[in-house]
Amino acid sequence: MLLAGSTLAGTYAAFTIGLNKVWYSNYPKSAFHLFNDVGEWRQIDKYGHLYSAYFQSDAGYQMARWTGMNEGNSTLVGLGMGMLFQTTIEVLDGFSSQWGFSMWDMGFNVLGTAAFVTQQHYWKRQRLRIKFSTFPYPYNKLNYSVGNPPVTLNERASQLYGNSFAARIFKDYNANTFWLSINIHDFTGPMQGLPPWLNIAVGIGANNLYGGYSNEWTQNGISYSIPGDLFPRYNQYFLGLDIDWSKIKTDYAFLNALFKLFNFFKLPTPAVELTSLGQWKWHLIY
C-alpha cells in the first residue's frame, strides 16, 4: 500500500508540475471562471477528454496492480487517478484567461473514467477499449493562403496547434481520431478461424478546423476568413479493424508490458470512412 501511494503521489506531482511549466506558464492567469465550450472543434476536443480520462484510469489501475494491490482496490485507484488528473487540468483551465473551467469537459472526463471502471468492475477486463490515433496533417502541401498580409494554412495551424511534433500529435484536431475498439470474441465467444485478438473499431475525427467554432479569426487587428466552399468543416466516421493486444500472450515480461502500452493506441489498418458531407472513402491503411 505504501509503495502504491508513493508511486501515485510521485506521478501526480510530476504531472502537475510539468503541465503547469510546459503549458499554463505560457498564458496569462485570471480569476477562476467557468467556460462554455460546447460545439467547439466539432466536439473532437471532448473525445480527447473522454480518451484521456479512460487512459489515465487504466494506467492508474495497472500501476496499482503492479504494486500488488488487489483487483477491487486497484479499480478504485484507477477511478481516483482518472478523475484527479483530469480535474486538475480543468481547475488550471479555470484560472487561465485563455480558457475556463468547462462543465462539458468534466462530463466527458466522467464518461471516460466510468467506461473503464464499469467494465473492470463487472467484467474484470476491457471488452470495449477507447483508443487514439494520429498522423501528421499535410498543411504545407495545401498551398493556400488567406488575407492581407497573407497567412498560409500551415501558419494558422501552427498558431492553433503548435509547431513541435509532440504538440501536433496531441493537439491537432485535424490529425486526431478517437476509436471505440470492440473485441469480437468477448461478445460472441470463440469462432472458428477468427483470432481472439481481432477487434472491430469505430472512429470519429474531423477536418478543416482552423478555429474553434468557425474558420474566421482576427490577428493584429486584421480579420481573416477561410472560404467554406474550399475548406468545409466536417466530421469523419470510420469503420476498421484493430488488435486487442491483451489477447496475445507471451512468456516475455517486456513484450507483455509493451502490449499493454499498444492497447492505448489504434494502429494503422484498412478502414472505411463516411464524412458528414455524405462522402465515402476507402483507406488501405488508416
C-alpha atoms as a PDB file:
ATOM      1  CA  MET A   1       0.000   0.000   0.000  1.00  0.00           C
ATOM      2  CA  LEU A   2       2.873   2.372   0.842  1.00  0.00           C
ATOM      3  CA  LEU A   3       4.542   1.605  -2.492  1.00  0.00           C
ATOM      4  CA  ALA A   4       1.279   2.228  -4.367  1.00  0.00           C
ATOM      5  CA  GLY A   5       0.643   5.510  -2.567  1.00  0.00           C
ATOM      6  CA  SER A   6       4.193   6.749  -3.093  1.00  0.00           C
ATOM      7  CA  THR A   7       4.164   5.820  -6.779  1.00  0.00           C
ATOM      8  CA  LEU A   8       0.849   7.522  -7.444  1.00  0.00           C
ATOM      9  CA  ALA A   9       1.762  10.624  -5.448  1.00  0.00           C
ATOM     10  CA  GLY A  10       5.040  10.965  -7.325  1.00  0.00           C
ATOM     11  CA  THR A  11       3.323  10.504 -10.681  1.00  0.00           C
ATOM     12  CA  TYR A  12       0.687  13.111  -9.871  1.00  0.00           C
ATOM     13  CA  ALA A  13       3.262  15.637  -8.622  1.00  0.00           C
ATOM     14  CA  ALA A  14       5.393  15.229 -11.745  1.00  0.00           C
ATOM     15  CA  PHE A  15       2.303  15.510 -13.955  1.00  0.00           C
ATOM     16  CA  THR A  16       1.030  18.695 -12.291  1.00  0.00           C
ATOM     17  CA  ILE A  17       4.386  20.483 -12.140  1.00  0.00           C
ATOM     18  CA  GLY A  18       5.284  19.513 -15.692  1.00  0.00           C
ATOM     19  CA  LEU A  19       1.896  20.519 -17.110  1.00  0.00           C
ATOM     20  CA  ASN A  20       1.957  23.899 -15.400  1.00  0.00           C
ATOM     21  CA  LYS A  21       5.528  24.621 -16.517  1.00  0.00           C
ATOM     22  CA  VAL A  22       5.264  23.404 -20.103  1.00  0.00           C
ATOM     23  CA  TRP A  23       1.751  24.668 -20.908  1.00  0.00           C
ATOM     24  CA  TYR A  24      -0.018  27.014 -18.463  1.00  0.00           C
ATOM     25  CA  SER A  25       3.001  29.159 -17.557  1.00  0.00           C
ATOM     26  CA  ASN A  26       2.953  30.476 -21.142  1.00  0.00           C
ATOM     27  CA  TYR A  27      -0.507  32.021 -20.773  1.00  0.00           C
ATOM     28  CA  PRO A  28      -1.868  34.835 -18.566  1.00  0.00           C
ATOM     29  CA  LYS A  29      -3.764  33.939 -15.386  1.00  0.00           C
ATOM     30  CA  SER A  30      -7.163  35.210 -14.278  1.00  0.00           C
ATOM     31  CA  ALA A  31      -9.717  34.759 -11.506  1.00  0.00           C
ATOM     32  CA  PHE A  32     -11.391  31.348 -11.517  1.00  0.00           C
ATOM     33  CA  HIS A  33     -14.239  31.284 -14.026  1.00  0.00           C
ATOM     34  CA  LEU A  34     -16.463  28.901 -15.991  1.00  0.00           C
ATOM     35  CA  PHE A  35     -16.278  28.477 -19.748  1.00  0.00           C
ATOM     36  CA  ASN A  36     -18.973  27.088 -22.050  1.00  0.00           C
ATOM     37  CA  ASP A  37     -17.179  25.471 -24.984  1.00  0.00           C
ATOM     38  CA  VAL A  38     -19.869  23.102 -26.242  1.00  0.00           C
ATOM     39  CA  GLY A  39     -19.750  22.952 -30.027  1.00  0.00           C
ATOM     40  CA  GLU A  40     -16.068  23.873 -30.319  1.00  0.00           C
ATOM     41  CA  TRP A  41     -13.828  21.880 -32.665  1.00  0.00           C
ATOM     42  CA  ARG A  42     -16.812  19.785 -33.773  1.00  0.00           C
ATOM     43  CA  GLN A  43     -16.547  18.017 -30.375  1.00  0.00           C
ATOM     44  CA  ILE A  44     -13.153  16.437 -31.148  1.00  0.00           C
ATOM     45  CA  ASP A  45     -11.682  18.060 -28.023  1.00  0.00           C
ATOM     46  CA  LYS A  46     -14.440  16.401 -25.967  1.00  0.00           C
ATOM     47  CA  TYR A  47     -13.494  12.970 -27.291  1.00  0.00           C
ATOM     48  CA  GLY A  48      -9.944  13.859 -26.301  1.00  0.00           C
ATOM     49  CA  HIS A  49     -11.117  14.324 -22.706  1.00  0.00           C
ATOM     50  CA  LEU A  50     -13.008  11.030 -22.870  1.00  0.00           C
ATOM     51  CA  TYR A  51      -9.896   9.227 -24.078  1.00  0.00           C
ATOM     52  CA  SER A  52      -7.533  10.916 -21.606  1.00  0.00           C
ATOM     53  CA  ALA A  53      -9.708  10.031 -18.604  1.00  0.00           C
ATOM     54  CA  TYR A  54     -10.018   6.433 -19.813  1.00  0.00           C
ATOM     55  CA  PHE A  55      -6.265   6.207 -20.448  1.00  0.00           C
ATOM     56  CA  GLN A  56      -5.352   7.611 -17.031  1.00  0.00           C
ATOM     57  CA  SER A  57      -7.856   5.391 -15.229  1.00  0.00           C
ATOM     58  CA  ASP A  58      -6.436   2.320 -16.941  1.00  0.00           C
ATOM     59  CA  ALA A  59      -2.868   3.445 -16.224  1.00  0.00           C
ATOM     60  CA  GLY A  60      -3.713   4.021 -12.540  1.00  0.00           C
ATOM     61  CA  TYR A  61      -5.263   0.570 -12.318  1.00  0.00           C
ATOM     62  CA  GLN A  62      -2.247  -1.081 -13.976  1.00  0.00           C
ATOM     63  CA  MET A  63       0.130   0.782 -11.685  1.00  0.00           C
ATOM     64  CA  ALA A  64      -1.790  -0.311  -8.593  1.00  0.00           C
ATOM     65  CA  ARG A  65      -1.840  -3.936  -9.738  1.00  0.00           C
ATOM     66  CA  TRP A  66       1.916  -3.756 -10.348  1.00  0.00           C
ATOM     67  CA  THR A  67       2.437  -2.807  -6.692  1.00  0.00           C
ATOM     68  CA  GLY A  68       0.459  -5.877  -5.553  1.00  0.00           C
ATOM     69  CA  MET A  69      -2.871  -4.215  -4.759  1.00  0.00           C
ATOM     70  CA  ASN A  70      -5.959  -6.406  -5.211  1.00  0.00           C
ATOM     71  CA  GLU A  71      -8.423  -6.085  -8.096  1.00  0.00           C
ATOM     72  CA  GLY A  72     -11.115  -4.087  -6.294  1.00  0.00           C
ATOM     73  CA  ASN A  73      -8.783  -1.533  -4.738  1.00  0.00           C
ATOM     74  CA  SER A  74      -6.846  -1.208  -7.993  1.00  0.00           C
ATOM     75  CA  THR A  75     -10.070  -0.344  -9.809  1.00  0.00           C
ATOM     76  CA  LEU A  76     -10.779   2.350  -7.212  1.00  0.00           C
ATOM     77  CA  VAL A  77      -7.272   3.716  -7.712  1.00  0.00           C
ATOM     78  CA  GLY A  78      -7.959   3.871 -11.453  1.00  0.00           C
ATOM     79  CA  LEU A  79     -11.163   5.794 -10.786  1.00  0.00           C
ATOM     80  CA  GLY A  80      -9.389   8.231  -8.479  1.00  0.00           C
ATOM     81  CA  MET A  81      -6.429   8.747 -10.789  1.00  0.00           C
ATOM     82  CA  GLY A  82      -8.546   9.403 -13.870  1.00  0.00           C
ATOM     83  CA  MET A  83     -10.726  11.961 -12.109  1.00  0.00           C
ATOM     84  CA  LEU A  84      -7.879  13.591 -10.171  1.00  0.00           C
ATOM     85  CA  PHE A  85      -5.676  14.164 -13.214  1.00  0.00           C
ATOM     86  CA  GLN A  86      -8.487  15.468 -15.406  1.00  0.00           C
ATOM     87  CA  THR A  87      -9.994  17.654 -12.679  1.00  0.00           C
ATOM     88  CA  THR A  88      -6.562  19.185 -12.124  1.00  0.00           C
ATOM     89  CA  ILE A  89      -6.452  20.182 -15.790  1.00  0.00           C
ATOM     90  CA  GLU A  90      -9.912  21.736 -15.567  1.00  0.00           C
ATOM     91  CA  VAL A  91      -9.022  23.713 -12.439  1.00  0.00           C
ATOM     92  CA  LEU A  92      -5.877  25.047 -14.135  1.00  0.00           C
ATOM     93  CA  ASP A  93      -8.051  25.950 -17.140  1.00  0.00           C
ATOM     94  CA  GLY A  94     -10.381  27.771 -14.745  1.00  0.00           C
ATOM     95  CA  PHE A  95      -7.565  30.088 -13.663  1.00  0.00           C
ATOM     96  CA  SER A  96      -6.374  30.748 -17.227  1.00  0.00           C
ATOM     97  CA  SER A  97      -7.672  33.776 -19.121  1.00  0.00           C
ATOM     98  CA  GLN A  98      -7.393  31.778 -22.368  1.00  0.00           C
ATOM     99  CA  TRP A  99      -9.915  29.157 -21.285  1.00  0.00           C
ATOM    100  CA  GLY A 100     -12.010  28.386 -18.198  1.00  0.00           C
ATOM    101  CA  PHE A 101     -13.490  25.528 -16.200  1.00  0.00           C
ATOM    102  CA  SER A 102     -15.700  23.612 -18.638  1.00  0.00           C
ATOM    103  CA  MET A 103     -18.585  21.555 -17.291  1.00  0.00           C
ATOM    104  CA  TRP A 104     -18.785  19.831 -20.691  1.00  0.00           C
ATOM    105  CA  ASP A 105     -15.149  18.757 -20.411  1.00  0.00           C
ATOM    106  CA  MET A 106     -15.814  17.427 -16.925  1.00  0.00           C
ATOM    107  CA  GLY A 107     -18.800  15.480 -18.205  1.00  0.00           C
ATOM    108  CA  PHE A 108     -16.650  13.709 -20.784  1.00  0.00           C
ATOM    109  CA  ASN A 109     -13.949  13.144 -18.143  1.00  0.00           C
ATOM    110  CA  VAL A 110     -16.544  11.339 -16.021  1.00  0.00           C
ATOM    111  CA  LEU A 111     -17.677   9.277 -19.021  1.00  0.00           C
ATOM    112  CA  GLY A 112     -14.107   8.218 -19.792  1.00  0.00           C
ATOM    113  CA  THR A 113     -13.381   7.133 -16.231  1.00  0.00           C
ATOM    114  CA  ALA A 114     -16.766   5.404 -15.968  1.00  0.00           C
ATOM    115  CA  ALA A 115     -16.092   3.498 -19.206  1.00  0.00           C
ATOM    116  CA  PHE A 116     -13.005   1.943 -17.650  1.00  0.00           C
ATOM    117  CA  VAL A 117     -14.268   1.415 -14.093  1.00  0.00           C
ATOM    118  CA  THR A 118     -17.633  -0.084 -15.074  1.00  0.00           C
ATOM    119  CA  GLN A 119     -16.061  -2.689 -17.338  1.00  0.00           C
ATOM    120  CA  GLN A 120     -13.345  -3.551 -14.842  1.00  0.00           C
ATOM    121  CA  HIS A 121     -15.866  -3.919 -12.032  1.00  0.00           C
ATOM    122  CA  TYR A 122     -18.382  -6.108 -13.872  1.00  0.00           C
ATOM    123  CA  TRP A 123     -16.253  -7.929 -16.468  1.00  0.00           C
ATOM    124  CA  LYS A 124     -12.757  -7.769 -14.904  1.00  0.00           C
ATOM    125  CA  ARG A 125     -11.452  -6.810 -18.361  1.00  0.00           C
ATOM    126  CA  GLN A 126     -11.928  -4.190 -21.071  1.00  0.00           C
ATOM    127  CA  ARG A 127     -14.200  -5.548 -23.789  1.00  0.00           C
ATOM    128  CA  LEU A 128     -14.632  -2.027 -25.207  1.00  0.00           C
ATOM    129  CA  ARG A 129     -11.413  -0.050 -25.440  1.00  0.00           C
ATOM    130  CA  ILE A 130     -11.160   3.664 -26.155  1.00  0.00           C
ATOM    131  CA  LYS A 131      -8.155   4.296 -28.380  1.00  0.00           C
ATOM    132  CA  PHE A 132      -6.373   7.128 -30.151  1.00  0.00           C
ATOM    133  CA  SER A 133      -4.590   7.505 -33.474  1.00  0.00           C
ATOM    134  CA  THR A 134      -2.916  10.416 -35.212  1.00  0.00           C
ATOM    135  CA  PHE A 135      -0.876  11.171 -38.303  1.00  0.00           C
ATOM    136  CA  PRO A 136       0.853  14.472 -39.256  1.00  0.00           C
ATOM    137  CA  TYR A 137      -1.551  16.588 -41.283  1.00  0.00           C
ATOM    138  CA  PRO A 138      -0.046  17.838 -44.603  1.00  0.00           C
ATOM    139  CA  TYR A 139      -0.742  21.562 -44.179  1.00  0.00           C
ATOM    140  CA  ASN A 140       2.403  22.503 -46.110  1.00  0.00           C
ATOM    141  CA  LYS A 141       1.056  20.708 -49.198  1.00  0.00           C
ATOM    142  CA  LEU A 142      -2.227  22.644 -49.370  1.00  0.00           C
ATOM    143  CA  ASN A 143      -0.592  25.727 -50.953  1.00  0.00           C
ATOM    144  CA  TYR A 144      -3.317  28.118 -49.854  1.00  0.00           C
ATOM    145  CA  SER A 145      -3.130  31.458 -48.067  1.00  0.00           C
ATOM    146  CA  VAL A 146      -5.789  33.899 -46.919  1.00  0.00           C
ATOM    147  CA  GLY A 147      -5.964  37.604 -46.087  1.00  0.00           C
ATOM    148  CA  ASN A 148      -3.613  40.548 -46.473  1.00  0.00           C
ATOM    149  CA  PRO A 149      -0.894  40.219 -45.307  1.00  0.00           C
ATOM    150  CA  PRO A 150      -1.354  36.573 -46.305  1.00  0.00           C
ATOM    151  CA  VAL A 151      -1.424  33.750 -43.758  1.00  0.00           C
ATOM    152  CA  THR A 152      -0.939  30.211 -45.006  1.00  0.00           C
ATOM    153  CA  LEU A 153      -2.932  27.292 -43.631  1.00  0.00           C
ATOM    154  CA  ASN A 154       0.289  25.893 -42.187  1.00  0.00           C
ATOM    155  CA  GLU A 155       0.930  29.159 -40.315  1.00  0.00           C
ATOM    156  CA  ARG A 156      -2.638  29.179 -38.987  1.00  0.00           C
ATOM    157  CA  ALA A 157      -2.281  25.565 -37.839  1.00  0.00           C
ATOM    158  CA  SER A 158       0.948  26.485 -36.025  1.00  0.00           C
ATOM    159  CA  GLN A 159      -0.892  29.284 -34.195  1.00  0.00           C
ATOM    160  CA  LEU A 160      -3.586  26.860 -33.065  1.00  0.00           C
ATOM    161  CA  TYR A 161      -1.793  23.567 -32.591  1.00  0.00           C
ATOM    162  CA  GLY A 162       1.869  24.482 -32.061  1.00  0.00           C
ATOM    163  CA  ASN A 163       4.962  23.794 -34.125  1.00  0.00           C
ATOM    164  CA  SER A 164       6.560  20.854 -32.359  1.00  0.00           C
ATOM    165  CA  PHE A 165       5.944  17.253 -33.335  1.00  0.00           C
ATOM    166  CA  ALA A 166       4.746  16.426 -29.801  1.00  0.00           C
ATOM    167  CA  ALA A 167       2.284  19.344 -29.720  1.00  0.00           C
ATOM    168  CA  ARG A 168       0.838  18.417 -33.088  1.00  0.00           C
ATOM    169  CA  ILE A 169       0.385  14.778 -32.034  1.00  0.00           C
ATOM    170  CA  PHE A 170      -1.831  15.594 -29.066  1.00  0.00           C
ATOM    171  CA  LYS A 171      -3.375  18.921 -30.039  1.00  0.00           C
ATOM    172  CA  ASP A 172      -4.006  18.894 -33.792  1.00  0.00           C
ATOM    173  CA  TYR A 173      -7.728  18.223 -34.137  1.00  0.00           C
ATOM    174  CA  ASN A 174      -7.383  17.761 -37.891  1.00  0.00           C
ATOM    175  CA  ALA A 175      -4.964  14.893 -37.345  1.00  0.00           C
ATOM    176  CA  ASN A 176      -6.542  13.085 -34.384  1.00  0.00           C
ATOM    177  CA  THR A 177      -9.008  10.215 -34.482  1.00  0.00           C
ATOM    178  CA  PHE A 178     -10.662   8.586 -31.459  1.00  0.00           C
ATOM    179  CA  TRP A 179     -11.871   4.987 -31.576  1.00  0.00           C
ATOM    180  CA  LEU A 180     -14.087   2.527 -29.774  1.00  0.00           C
ATOM    181  CA  SER A 181     -12.417  -0.856 -30.270  1.00  0.00           C
ATOM    182  CA  ILE A 182     -14.645  -3.886 -29.658  1.00  0.00           C
ATOM    183  CA  ASN A 183     -13.293  -7.398 -29.119  1.00  0.00           C
ATOM    184  CA  ILE A 184     -15.375  -9.849 -31.152  1.00  0.00           C
ATOM    185  CA  HIS A 185     -14.614 -12.963 -29.066  1.00  0.00           C
ATOM    186  CA  ASP A 186     -15.634 -11.256 -25.823  1.00  0.00           C
ATOM    187  CA  PHE A 187     -19.185 -10.884 -27.122  1.00  0.00           C
ATOM    188  CA  THR A 188     -19.641 -13.867 -29.442  1.00  0.00           C
ATOM    189  CA  GLY A 189     -17.397 -16.487 -27.844  1.00  0.00           C
ATOM    190  CA  PRO A 190     -14.716 -18.398 -29.799  1.00  0.00           C
ATOM    191  CA  MET A 191     -15.366 -18.505 -33.542  1.00  0.00           C
ATOM    192  CA  GLN A 192     -13.517 -20.961 -35.758  1.00  0.00           C
ATOM    193  CA  GLY A 193     -10.920 -19.275 -37.943  1.00  0.00           C
ATOM    194  CA  LEU A 194     -11.248 -15.943 -36.115  1.00  0.00           C
ATOM    195  CA  PRO A 195      -8.260 -14.995 -33.934  1.00  0.00           C
ATOM    196  CA  PRO A 196      -9.161 -13.978 -30.352  1.00  0.00           C
ATOM    197  CA  TRP A 197      -7.219 -10.719 -30.675  1.00  0.00           C
ATOM    198  CA  LEU A 198      -9.266  -9.386 -33.619  1.00  0.00           C
ATOM    199  CA  ASN A 199     -11.325  -6.256 -32.892  1.00  0.00           C
ATOM    200  CA  ILE A 200     -13.796  -4.142 -34.816  1.00  0.00           C
ATOM    201  CA  ALA A 201     -13.213  -0.412 -34.339  1.00  0.00           C
ATOM    202  CA  VAL A 202     -15.432   2.611 -34.995  1.00  0.00           C
ATOM    203  CA  GLY A 203     -13.788   6.022 -35.001  1.00  0.00           C
ATOM    204  CA  ILE A 204     -14.514   9.738 -35.244  1.00  0.00           C
ATOM    205  CA  GLY A 205     -12.357  12.605 -36.476  1.00  0.00           C
ATOM    206  CA  ALA A 206     -12.723  15.992 -38.164  1.00  0.00           C
ATOM    207  CA  ASN A 207     -11.173  18.040 -40.926  1.00  0.00           C
ATOM    208  CA  ASN A 208     -10.569  21.666 -41.933  1.00  0.00           C
ATOM    209  CA  LEU A 209     -10.680  23.015 -38.381  1.00  0.00           C
ATOM    210  CA  TYR A 210      -8.897  26.385 -38.305  1.00  0.00           C
ATOM    211  CA  GLY A 211     -10.847  27.844 -35.392  1.00  0.00           C
ATOM    212  CA  GLY A 212     -12.979  26.670 -32.510  1.00  0.00           C
ATOM    213  CA  TYR A 213     -16.397  27.447 -33.983  1.00  0.00           C
ATOM    214  CA  SER A 214     -15.590  28.707 -37.482  1.00  0.00           C
ATOM    215  CA  ASN A 215     -12.645  29.314 -39.779  1.00  0.00           C
ATOM    216  CA  GLU A 216     -12.632  33.028 -39.038  1.00  0.00           C
ATOM    217  CA  TRP A 217     -10.264  34.897 -36.709  1.00  0.00           C
ATOM    218  CA  THR A 218      -8.628  38.250 -36.036  1.00  0.00           C
ATOM    219  CA  GLN A 219      -4.855  38.692 -35.995  1.00  0.00           C
ATOM    220  CA  ASN A 220      -3.103  42.009 -35.318  1.00  0.00           C
ATOM    221  CA  GLY A 221      -6.398  43.810 -35.899  1.00  0.00           C
ATOM    222  CA  ILE A 222      -6.932  42.165 -39.285  1.00  0.00           C
ATOM    223  CA  SER A 223      -9.860  39.800 -39.934  1.00  0.00           C
ATOM    224  CA  TYR A 224      -9.222  36.523 -41.727  1.00  0.00           C
ATOM    225  CA  SER A 225     -11.727  34.068 -43.187  1.00  0.00           C
ATOM    226  CA  ILE A 226     -11.190  30.751 -44.985  1.00  0.00           C
ATOM    227  CA  PRO A 227     -13.854  30.055 -47.651  1.00  0.00           C
ATOM    228  CA  GLY A 228     -16.185  27.277 -46.601  1.00  0.00           C
ATOM    229  CA  ASP A 229     -16.664  26.070 -50.167  1.00  0.00           C
ATOM    230  CA  LEU A 230     -12.926  25.366 -50.480  1.00  0.00           C
ATOM    231  CA  PHE A 231     -12.322  24.076 -46.957  1.00  0.00           C
ATOM    232  CA  PRO A 232     -15.634  22.946 -45.421  1.00  0.00           C
ATOM    233  CA  ARG A 233     -15.586  21.871 -41.777  1.00  0.00           C
ATOM    234  CA  TYR A 234     -16.791  18.302 -41.384  1.00  0.00           C
ATOM    235  CA  ASN A 235     -16.654  15.169 -39.257  1.00  0.00           C
ATOM    236  CA  GLN A 236     -15.252  11.803 -40.305  1.00  0.00           C
ATOM    237  CA  TYR A 237     -16.703   8.439 -39.223  1.00  0.00           C
ATOM    238  CA  PHE A 238     -14.644   5.271 -39.604  1.00  0.00           C
ATOM    239  CA  LEU A 239     -15.113   1.521 -39.500  1.00  0.00           C
ATOM    240  CA  GLY A 240     -11.973  -0.585 -39.403  1.00  0.00           C
ATOM    241  CA  LEU A 241     -10.105  -3.499 -37.882  1.00  0.00           C
ATOM    242  CA  ASP A 242      -7.975  -3.430 -34.761  1.00  0.00           C
ATOM    243  CA  ILE A 243      -5.974  -5.608 -32.374  1.00  0.00           C
ATOM    244  CA  ASP A 244      -6.625  -6.341 -28.694  1.00  0.00           C
ATOM    245  CA  TRP A 245      -3.042  -6.800 -27.571  1.00  0.00           C
ATOM    246  CA  SER A 246      -4.106  -8.221 -24.198  1.00  0.00           C
ATOM    247  CA  LYS A 247      -5.247 -11.345 -26.085  1.00  0.00           C
ATOM    248  CA  ILE A 248      -1.722 -12.048 -27.320  1.00  0.00           C
ATOM    249  CA  LYS A 249       0.114 -13.982 -24.617  1.00  0.00           C
ATOM    250  CA  THR A 250       3.899 -14.300 -24.397  1.00  0.00           C
ATOM    251  CA  ASP A 251       6.422 -15.550 -21.849  1.00  0.00           C
ATOM    252  CA  TYR A 252       8.353 -12.285 -22.011  1.00  0.00           C
ATOM    253  CA  ALA A 253       7.609  -9.601 -19.400  1.00  0.00           C
ATOM    254  CA  PHE A 254       8.942  -6.837 -21.651  1.00  0.00           C
ATOM    255  CA  LEU A 255       6.617  -7.791 -24.528  1.00  0.00           C
ATOM    256  CA  ASN A 256       3.636  -8.092 -22.188  1.00  0.00           C
ATOM    257  CA  ALA A 257       4.313  -4.575 -20.855  1.00  0.00           C
ATOM    258  CA  LEU A 258       4.753  -3.271 -24.411  1.00  0.00           C
ATOM    259  CA  PHE A 259       1.435  -4.838 -25.471  1.00  0.00           C
ATOM    260  CA  LYS A 260      -0.333  -3.057 -22.601  1.00  0.00           C
ATOM    261  CA  LEU A 261       1.016   0.226 -23.946  1.00  0.00           C
ATOM    262  CA  PHE A 262      -0.026  -0.655 -27.516  1.00  0.00           C
ATOM    263  CA  ASN A 263      -3.610  -1.155 -26.317  1.00  0.00           C
ATOM    264  CA  PHE A 264      -3.982   2.585 -25.738  1.00  0.00           C
ATOM    265  CA  PHE A 265      -3.444   3.317 -29.430  1.00  0.00           C
ATOM    266  CA  LYS A 266      -5.163   2.340 -32.650  1.00  0.00           C
ATOM    267  CA  LEU A 267      -2.583   1.036 -35.096  1.00  0.00           C
ATOM    268  CA  PRO A 268      -2.945   1.572 -38.866  1.00  0.00           C
ATOM    269  CA  THR A 269      -5.305  -0.897 -40.596  1.00  0.00           C
ATOM    270  CA  PRO A 270      -7.744  -0.854 -43.537  1.00  0.00           C
ATOM    271  CA  ALA A 271     -10.788   1.342 -42.880  1.00  0.00           C
ATOM    272  CA  VAL A 272     -13.939   2.718 -44.489  1.00  0.00           C
ATOM    273  CA  GLU A 273     -14.739   6.413 -43.984  1.00  0.00           C
ATOM    274  CA  LEU A 274     -18.048   8.276 -44.188  1.00  0.00           C
ATOM    275  CA  THR A 275     -17.956  12.054 -43.818  1.00  0.00           C
ATOM    276  CA  SER A 276     -20.702  14.338 -42.541  1.00  0.00           C
ATOM    277  CA  LEU A 277     -20.720  15.748 -46.104  1.00  0.00           C
ATOM    278  CA  GLY A 278     -22.020  12.370 -47.324  1.00  0.00           C
ATOM    279  CA  GLN A 279     -18.756  11.227 -48.935  1.00  0.00           C
ATOM    280  CA  TRP A 280     -17.487   7.635 -48.764  1.00  0.00           C
ATOM    281  CA  LYS A 281     -13.770   6.801 -48.834  1.00  0.00           C
ATOM    282  CA  TRP A 282     -11.765   3.582 -48.661  1.00  0.00           C
ATOM    283  CA  HIS A 283      -8.368   3.567 -46.927  1.00  0.00           C
ATOM    284  CA  LEU A 284      -5.998   0.672 -47.493  1.00  0.00           C
ATOM    285  CA  ILE A 285      -4.167   1.912 -44.371  1.00  0.00           C
ATOM    286  CA  TYR A 286      -5.529   4.493 -41.933  1.00  0.00           C
END
